Amino acid sequence: MDQPDLDRVRALIREIPDFPEPGILFRDITPLLHDPKARRLVNDALADAAHAMGATLVAGIESRGFIFGMPVAERLDLPFVLVRKPGKLPHDVVAVTYALEYGSGELQMHRTPSVAGQRVVVVDDLLATGGTSAATGRLIEECGGTVAGYAFVIELEALGGRSALGTHPVTSLVKY
C-alpha cells in the first residue's frame, strides 16, 4: 500500500479514549469499514501479504478477523476457517487455552474441514500483546497446519505483540 493510501486508512481509524476502561486508547475501525475504497485498499493489502506468505488457507479470529479474513480468502480463492470463543461453533471442535492479563481465555476451531497440511495465514484487525494470535497459531499447529504468517490492519508496537508470534512473518498495515 503506498503512502497516500496508508494515510487515508490511518485517518479513518478513530481514537476513543478511556474505552473500554479508563486509561485505554481504543482504535476504532468503524469509520474504515464505512469507507468502501479504504476497506478495499486494506483487504487488497492483506491479501497481497497472505499471498506473499504462501497461504493455502486463511483463518480469521473472532470477530473482526472475520471482517478482514473472509475478503482475503475470497481474493486468493482460498478456504476460510473461523477461530471463535467457546460455545459458538456447532460441530466437533478443537480448543486451546491461553493466558490473559487477568485469567485465561479459550479459542476453538472446527476439526473439519481440517487445516492439516495447509499453510495458514491468520488475519485479525489488531495486534496488541499477541496472546490471542499466538494461541490461534498453536491451535492451527495442533491440528496439523503450518502457520505461514500473520496479517493485521493495526499494530500497537509498544505492547510487543510480534515477540509472541515467534519467527513467523507478520504484516501490519498501520502501526502506532
Protein backbone atom coordinates (compact mmCIF):
# COMPACT_ATOMS: atom_id res chain seq x y z
CA MET A 1 0.00 0.00 0.00
CA ASP A 2 1.52 3.35 -0.96
CA GLN A 3 1.79 6.27 1.47
CA PRO A 4 -1.31 8.23 0.32
CA ASP A 5 -3.43 5.09 0.69
CA LEU A 6 -1.89 4.33 4.06
CA ASP A 7 -2.58 7.91 5.18
CA ARG A 8 -6.21 7.54 4.06
CA VAL A 9 -6.63 4.35 6.07
CA ARG A 10 -4.89 5.79 9.14
CA ALA A 11 -7.16 8.87 9.03
CA LEU A 12 -10.20 6.58 9.22
CA ILE A 13 -9.10 4.81 12.40
CA ARG A 14 -10.79 6.72 15.19
CA GLU A 15 -9.26 7.10 18.65
CA ILE A 16 -11.65 6.58 21.56
CA PRO A 17 -10.07 7.48 24.93
CA ASP A 18 -10.95 5.54 28.06
CA PHE A 19 -12.68 2.69 26.25
CA PRO A 20 -13.45 0.01 27.32
CA GLU A 21 -11.97 1.25 30.59
CA PRO A 22 -10.10 4.30 31.88
CA GLY A 23 -6.56 4.63 30.55
CA ILE A 24 -7.15 2.65 27.36
CA LEU A 25 -6.98 4.37 23.96
CA PHE A 26 -9.22 2.27 21.73
CA ARG A 27 -8.55 2.17 17.97
CA ASP A 28 -11.99 2.08 16.34
CA ILE A 29 -12.17 0.66 12.80
CA THR A 30 -15.85 1.52 12.31
CA PRO A 31 -15.14 4.56 10.06
CA LEU A 32 -12.76 2.41 7.99
CA LEU A 33 -15.48 -0.19 7.47
CA HIS A 34 -17.84 2.57 6.35
CA ASP A 35 -15.50 3.69 3.54
CA PRO A 36 -15.66 1.21 0.61
CA LYS A 37 -12.47 2.44 -1.08
CA ALA A 38 -10.39 2.34 2.11
CA ARG A 39 -11.83 -1.06 3.05
CA ARG A 40 -10.90 -2.36 -0.41
CA LEU A 41 -7.35 -0.97 -0.03
CA VAL A 42 -6.95 -2.74 3.31
CA ASN A 43 -8.33 -6.05 2.06
CA ASP A 44 -6.14 -5.90 -1.06
CA ALA A 45 -3.04 -5.18 1.03
CA LEU A 46 -3.82 -8.01 3.45
CA ALA A 47 -4.44 -10.37 0.51
CA ASP A 48 -1.09 -9.35 -1.02
CA ALA A 49 0.61 -10.14 2.28
CA ALA A 50 -1.12 -13.53 2.62
CA HIS A 51 -0.19 -14.38 -0.97
CA ALA A 52 3.45 -13.46 -0.32
CA MET A 53 3.42 -15.75 2.74
CA GLY A 54 2.30 -18.67 0.58
CA ALA A 55 -1.12 -19.09 2.17
CA THR A 56 -3.25 -22.05 1.19
CA LEU A 57 -5.89 -21.26 3.83
CA VAL A 58 -6.95 -18.16 5.79
CA ALA A 59 -8.05 -18.17 9.43
CA GLY A 60 -9.94 -15.26 10.98
CA ILE A 61 -10.04 -14.59 14.72
CA GLU A 62 -13.40 -13.66 16.26
CA SER A 63 -14.87 -11.32 15.38
CA ARG A 64 -13.12 -8.56 13.48
CA GLY A 65 -10.77 -11.11 11.96
CA PHE A 66 -13.84 -12.43 10.13
CA ILE A 67 -14.46 -8.99 8.61
CA PHE A 68 -11.00 -8.88 7.07
CA GLY A 69 -10.14 -12.57 6.72
CA MET A 70 -13.05 -13.58 4.52
CA PRO A 71 -12.34 -10.97 1.81
CA VAL A 72 -8.67 -12.03 1.86
CA ALA A 73 -9.70 -15.66 1.33
CA GLU A 74 -12.06 -14.64 -1.47
CA ARG A 75 -9.41 -12.56 -3.25
CA LEU A 76 -6.98 -15.50 -3.15
CA ASP A 77 -9.61 -18.18 -3.84
CA LEU A 78 -8.68 -19.97 -0.60
CA PRO A 79 -10.62 -21.76 2.12
CA PHE A 80 -11.51 -19.79 5.24
CA VAL A 81 -11.84 -21.05 8.82
CA LEU A 82 -13.31 -19.38 11.88
CA VAL A 83 -11.45 -19.19 15.19
CA ARG A 84 -14.03 -18.47 17.87
CA LYS A 85 -14.67 -18.17 21.57
CA PRO A 86 -16.15 -21.24 23.31
CA GLY A 87 -19.70 -22.28 22.60
CA LYS A 88 -20.01 -20.53 19.23
CA LEU A 89 -19.24 -23.40 16.84
CA PRO A 90 -21.90 -26.09 16.38
CA HIS A 91 -19.76 -29.06 15.30
CA ASP A 92 -16.84 -31.05 16.72
CA VAL A 93 -14.17 -28.57 17.88
CA VAL A 94 -10.58 -28.46 19.00
CA ALA A 95 -9.66 -25.90 21.64
CA VAL A 96 -6.67 -24.10 23.08
CA THR A 97 -6.46 -22.24 26.38
CA TYR A 98 -4.16 -19.25 26.75
CA ALA A 99 -3.17 -16.74 29.39
CA LEU A 100 -4.79 -13.31 29.56
CA GLU A 101 -3.69 -10.37 31.68
CA TYR A 102 -6.17 -11.45 34.35
CA GLY A 103 -7.11 -15.10 33.94
CA SER A 104 -7.29 -17.21 30.82
CA GLY A 105 -9.10 -17.41 27.52
CA GLU A 106 -10.07 -20.17 25.15
CA LEU A 107 -10.33 -20.36 21.38
CA GLN A 108 -11.97 -23.07 19.31
CA MET A 109 -11.96 -24.20 15.71
CA HIS A 110 -13.90 -26.92 13.92
CA ARG A 111 -11.97 -30.16 13.43
CA THR A 112 -13.47 -30.46 9.96
CA PRO A 113 -12.88 -29.21 7.42
CA SER A 114 -9.30 -29.76 8.52
CA VAL A 115 -6.38 -27.34 8.40
CA ALA A 116 -3.94 -30.28 8.33
CA GLY A 117 -1.34 -29.86 5.63
CA GLN A 118 -2.35 -26.25 4.95
CA ARG A 119 -0.20 -23.10 5.11
CA VAL A 120 -2.43 -20.86 7.19
CA VAL A 121 -2.30 -17.08 7.38
CA VAL A 122 -4.04 -15.75 10.48
CA VAL A 123 -5.89 -12.46 9.91
CA ASP A 124 -7.17 -10.06 12.54
CA ASP A 125 -7.79 -6.35 12.92
CA LEU A 126 -5.32 -5.69 15.73
CA LEU A 127 -2.02 -6.97 17.10
CA ALA A 128 -1.60 -5.86 20.70
CA THR A 129 0.14 -8.25 23.13
CA GLY A 130 -0.08 -11.14 20.66
CA GLY A 131 -1.63 -13.62 23.08
CA THR A 132 -4.77 -14.37 21.09
CA SER A 133 -2.87 -14.58 17.80
CA ALA A 134 -0.19 -16.84 19.28
CA ALA A 135 -2.91 -19.10 20.73
CA THR A 136 -4.52 -19.27 17.29
CA GLY A 137 -1.17 -20.31 15.84
CA ARG A 138 -0.85 -23.08 18.44
CA LEU A 139 -4.38 -24.25 17.63
CA ILE A 140 -3.54 -24.44 13.91
CA GLU A 141 -0.33 -26.35 14.55
CA GLU A 142 -2.06 -28.77 16.94
CA CYS A 143 -4.46 -29.54 14.10
CA GLY A 144 -1.63 -30.31 11.67
CA GLY A 145 -1.48 -26.98 9.86
CA THR A 146 1.54 -24.73 9.42
CA VAL A 147 1.37 -21.07 10.35
CA ALA A 148 2.54 -19.27 7.21
CA GLY A 149 2.23 -15.89 8.93
CA TYR A 150 0.01 -13.24 10.44
CA ALA A 151 -1.66 -10.22 8.85
CA PHE A 152 -3.17 -7.32 10.80
CA VAL A 153 -4.74 -3.99 9.97
CA ILE A 154 -3.31 -2.30 13.12
CA GLU A 155 -0.33 -2.99 15.34
CA LEU A 156 0.23 -1.40 18.75
CA GLU A 157 4.02 -1.64 18.69
CA ALA A 158 4.60 -0.58 22.31
CA LEU A 159 2.81 -3.74 23.51
CA GLY A 160 5.37 -6.02 21.82
CA GLY A 161 2.93 -8.48 20.28
CA ARG A 162 5.30 -9.51 17.49
CA SER A 163 7.56 -11.21 20.01
CA ALA A 164 4.71 -13.57 20.98
CA LEU A 165 4.45 -14.74 17.36
CA GLY A 166 7.94 -16.21 17.15
CA THR A 167 9.72 -16.16 13.83
CA HIS A 168 6.59 -16.22 11.68
CA PRO A 169 6.19 -13.40 9.14
CA VAL A 170 3.99 -10.57 10.40
CA THR A 171 2.39 -7.84 8.31
CA SER A 172 0.62 -4.91 9.89
CA LEU A 173 -0.63 -2.03 7.79
CA VAL A 174 -0.95 0.77 10.34
CA LYS A 175 1.41 0.95 13.32
CA TYR A 176 1.00 3.00 16.47
